[in-house]
Amino acid sequence: MIENYNDYSNEIPPKFEIFDDRVEITSARSLPISLSENDFFEGISHPKNKEIMRIFKDLELVEQLGSGVPRSIKVYKKDSFKFMDNFTRVTFYKGGQIGGQIDLTNRQNDILSLIKQNPKISRKKISEILDINQSAVLKHLESLKDKNRLVRVGGTRGYWEVLNG
């Protein structure tokens, strides 16, 4: 029996379509036969190439293997994912599906929450609490500053000030 999974050796690249109100990504193949939709939404990971996944993890291109789908469905509904016999399509509506403009990741919201609790919190402490490395925290902090959601007052011995939130 041939297992059905996202196999990039088939030379069929994912198709990205950008519309005014959404982005649709269609991948060749559906879920692996051994993986139910419920398993998929629970974050059960079934990587085809474990070496590529290790490299992504080492390069900090992924935070935690198997965490993307559970984090995505906190913002987008499960029906954003459509599993067909030979394809999977994911539709992301701009602004999310829970209402309002969503411009922050869950991790960025976690960081803002920690800063609201303790404006003098260090990158190291944020890293320890969220169990991510300090370079990832730095990237999130820079993104929050770029989005005008956070400002540093007083340098290294100063504090964080949360804006628009």
Protein backbone atom coordinates (compact mmCIF):
# COMPACT_ATOMS: atom_id res chain seq x y z
CA MET A 1 0.00 0.00 0.00
CA ILE A 2 1.38 3.42 -0.93
CA GLU A 3 1.28 5.96 1.87
CA ASN A 4 -0.14 9.37 1.07
CA TYR A 5 1.96 12.30 2.35
CA ASN A 6 3.46 15.58 1.25
CA ASP A 7 6.36 14.25 -0.84
CA TYR A 8 8.40 17.00 -2.44
CA SER A 9 10.27 14.47 -4.60
CA ASN A 10 7.18 14.32 -6.82
CA GLU A 11 8.27 17.69 -8.27
CA ILE A 12 4.81 19.19 -7.82
CA PRO A 13 5.43 22.37 -5.84
CA PRO A 14 2.79 23.84 -3.56
CA LYS A 15 0.54 26.37 -5.29
CA PHE A 16 0.16 29.75 -3.55
CA GLU A 17 -2.79 31.94 -4.56
CA ILE A 18 -3.19 35.42 -3.12
CA PHE A 19 -6.64 37.03 -3.20
CA ASP A 20 -7.90 40.30 -1.74
CA ASP A 21 -9.39 38.56 1.30
CA ARG A 22 -7.35 35.34 1.66
CA VAL A 23 -4.31 33.26 0.78
CA GLU A 24 -4.79 29.68 -0.43
CA ILE A 25 -2.01 27.11 -0.36
CA THR A 26 -2.60 23.84 -2.19
CA SER A 27 -0.15 20.96 -1.73
CA ALA A 28 0.04 17.76 -3.71
CA ARG A 29 -1.00 14.82 -1.54
CA SER A 30 -3.28 14.49 1.41
CA LEU A 31 -2.72 13.26 4.96
CA PRO A 32 -0.63 10.13 5.47
CA ILE A 33 -2.85 7.07 5.71
CA SER A 34 -1.60 6.50 9.26
CA LEU A 35 -2.61 10.02 10.35
CA SER A 36 -6.23 10.97 11.02
CA GLU A 37 -7.53 14.53 10.74
CA ASN A 38 -7.85 14.58 14.53
CA ASP A 39 -4.18 13.54 14.89
CA PHE A 40 -3.22 16.28 12.44
CA PHE A 41 -5.10 18.97 14.39
CA GLU A 42 -3.55 17.71 17.65
CA GLY A 43 -0.09 18.38 16.20
CA ILE A 44 1.04 14.83 15.56
CA SER A 45 4.01 15.32 13.22
CA HIS A 46 4.81 12.94 10.39
CA PRO A 47 7.80 14.52 8.63
CA LYS A 48 8.85 12.84 5.39
CA ASN A 49 12.47 13.95 5.73
CA LYS A 50 13.61 13.96 9.34
CA GLU A 51 17.03 15.39 8.39
CA ILE A 52 15.42 18.50 6.84
CA MET A 53 13.30 18.93 9.95
CA ARG A 54 16.40 18.69 12.16
CA ILE A 55 18.12 21.34 10.05
CA PHE A 56 15.05 23.63 10.29
CA LYS A 57 15.08 23.15 14.07
CA ASP A 58 18.84 23.85 14.29
CA LEU A 59 18.43 27.01 12.19
CA GLU A 60 15.50 28.11 14.38
CA LEU A 61 13.16 28.18 11.38
CA VAL A 62 10.70 26.17 13.45
CA GLU A 63 10.06 26.61 17.18
CA GLN A 64 8.80 23.15 18.02
CA LEU A 65 8.08 20.26 15.70
CA GLY A 66 4.38 19.55 15.46
CA SER A 67 3.35 22.89 17.00
CA GLY A 68 2.35 24.81 13.86
CA VAL A 69 -1.12 23.38 13.28
CA PRO A 70 -2.32 23.63 16.91
CA ARG A 71 -1.09 27.26 16.98
CA SER A 72 -2.74 28.00 13.62
CA ILE A 73 -6.14 26.72 14.70
CA LYS A 74 -6.09 29.13 17.64
CA VAL A 75 -6.44 31.88 15.02
CA TYR A 76 -7.97 30.05 12.04
CA LYS A 77 -10.74 27.49 12.24
CA LYS A 78 -10.20 23.83 11.45
CA ASP A 79 -12.32 24.26 8.33
CA SER A 80 -9.48 26.37 6.89
CA PHE A 81 -7.92 22.98 6.06
CA LYS A 82 -9.49 20.93 3.28
CA PHE A 83 -8.22 17.38 2.76
CA MET A 84 -8.93 15.92 -0.67
CA ASP A 85 -7.94 12.52 -2.09
CA ASN A 86 -4.75 13.87 -3.68
CA PHE A 87 -4.38 17.40 -2.36
CA THR A 88 -4.55 19.48 0.79
CA ARG A 89 -5.67 23.12 0.65
CA VAL A 90 -5.25 25.62 3.45
CA THR A 91 -7.12 28.93 3.27
CA PHE A 92 -6.01 31.80 5.49
CA TYR A 93 -8.41 34.73 5.54
CA LYS A 94 -6.80 38.10 6.18
CA GLY A 95 -7.43 39.20 9.75
CA GLY A 96 -8.05 35.65 10.93
CA GLN A 97 -11.44 34.11 11.55
CA ILE A 98 -11.97 35.09 15.16
CA GLY A 99 -12.67 38.70 14.35
CA GLY A 100 -10.63 41.87 14.38
CA GLN A 101 -7.23 42.57 12.93
CA ILE A 102 -4.72 39.97 13.99
CA ASP A 103 -1.19 41.19 13.45
CA LEU A 104 0.66 39.35 16.21
CA THR A 105 1.67 35.72 16.52
CA ASN A 106 0.67 33.71 19.59
CA ARG A 107 4.29 33.83 20.74
CA GLN A 108 4.35 37.64 20.42
CA ASN A 109 1.15 37.84 22.45
CA ASP A 110 2.76 35.60 25.08
CA ILE A 111 5.77 37.93 25.24
CA LEU A 112 3.55 41.01 25.56
CA SER A 113 1.64 39.32 28.37
CA LEU A 114 4.87 38.60 30.25
CA ILE A 115 6.03 42.19 29.76
CA LYS A 116 2.71 43.57 31.02
CA GLN A 117 3.16 41.47 34.18
CA ASN A 118 6.77 42.60 34.61
CA PRO A 119 8.00 45.54 32.45
CA LYS A 120 11.59 44.95 33.64
CA ILE A 121 11.66 41.30 32.53
CA SER A 122 14.85 40.26 30.72
CA ARG A 123 15.17 38.44 27.41
CA LYS A 124 16.77 35.59 29.33
CA LYS A 125 13.78 35.28 31.68
CA ILE A 126 11.32 35.41 28.74
CA SER A 127 13.39 32.69 27.06
CA GLU A 128 13.24 30.49 30.17
CA ILE A 129 9.50 30.95 30.75
CA LEU A 130 8.52 30.31 27.11
CA ASP A 131 11.17 27.60 26.60
CA ILE A 132 12.59 29.21 23.46
CA ASN A 133 16.12 30.45 22.87
CA GLN A 134 17.14 34.06 23.43
CA SER A 135 17.74 34.74 19.73
CA ALA A 136 14.10 33.83 19.01
CA VAL A 137 12.99 36.17 21.82
CA LEU A 138 15.11 38.93 20.30
CA LYS A 139 13.47 38.41 16.88
CA HIS A 140 10.00 38.62 18.45
CA LEU A 141 10.93 41.74 20.41
CA GLU A 142 12.29 43.41 17.26
CA SER A 143 9.09 42.51 15.40
CA LEU A 144 6.96 43.93 18.23
CA LYS A 145 8.99 47.15 18.11
CA ASP A 146 8.61 47.30 14.30
CA LYS A 147 4.83 46.92 14.71
CA ASN A 148 4.82 49.80 17.23
CA ARG A 149 3.53 47.51 19.97
CA LEU A 150 6.56 47.78 22.23
CA VAL A 151 9.26 50.30 23.12
CA ARG A 152 12.33 50.00 25.31
CA VAL A 153 12.76 52.85 27.81
CA GLY A 154 16.14 53.45 29.44
CA GLY A 155 18.41 50.94 27.70
CA THR A 156 19.61 47.68 29.27
CA ARG A 157 18.70 48.71 32.82
CA GLY A 158 15.39 50.21 31.74
CA TYR A 159 11.98 48.68 31.15
CA TRP A 160 9.55 47.77 28.39
CA GLU A 161 6.48 49.84 27.59
CA VAL A 162 3.61 48.11 25.80
CA LEU A 163 1.88 50.35 23.23
CA ASN A 164 -1.64 50.01 21.73
CA GLY A 165 -2.51 47.18 24.00
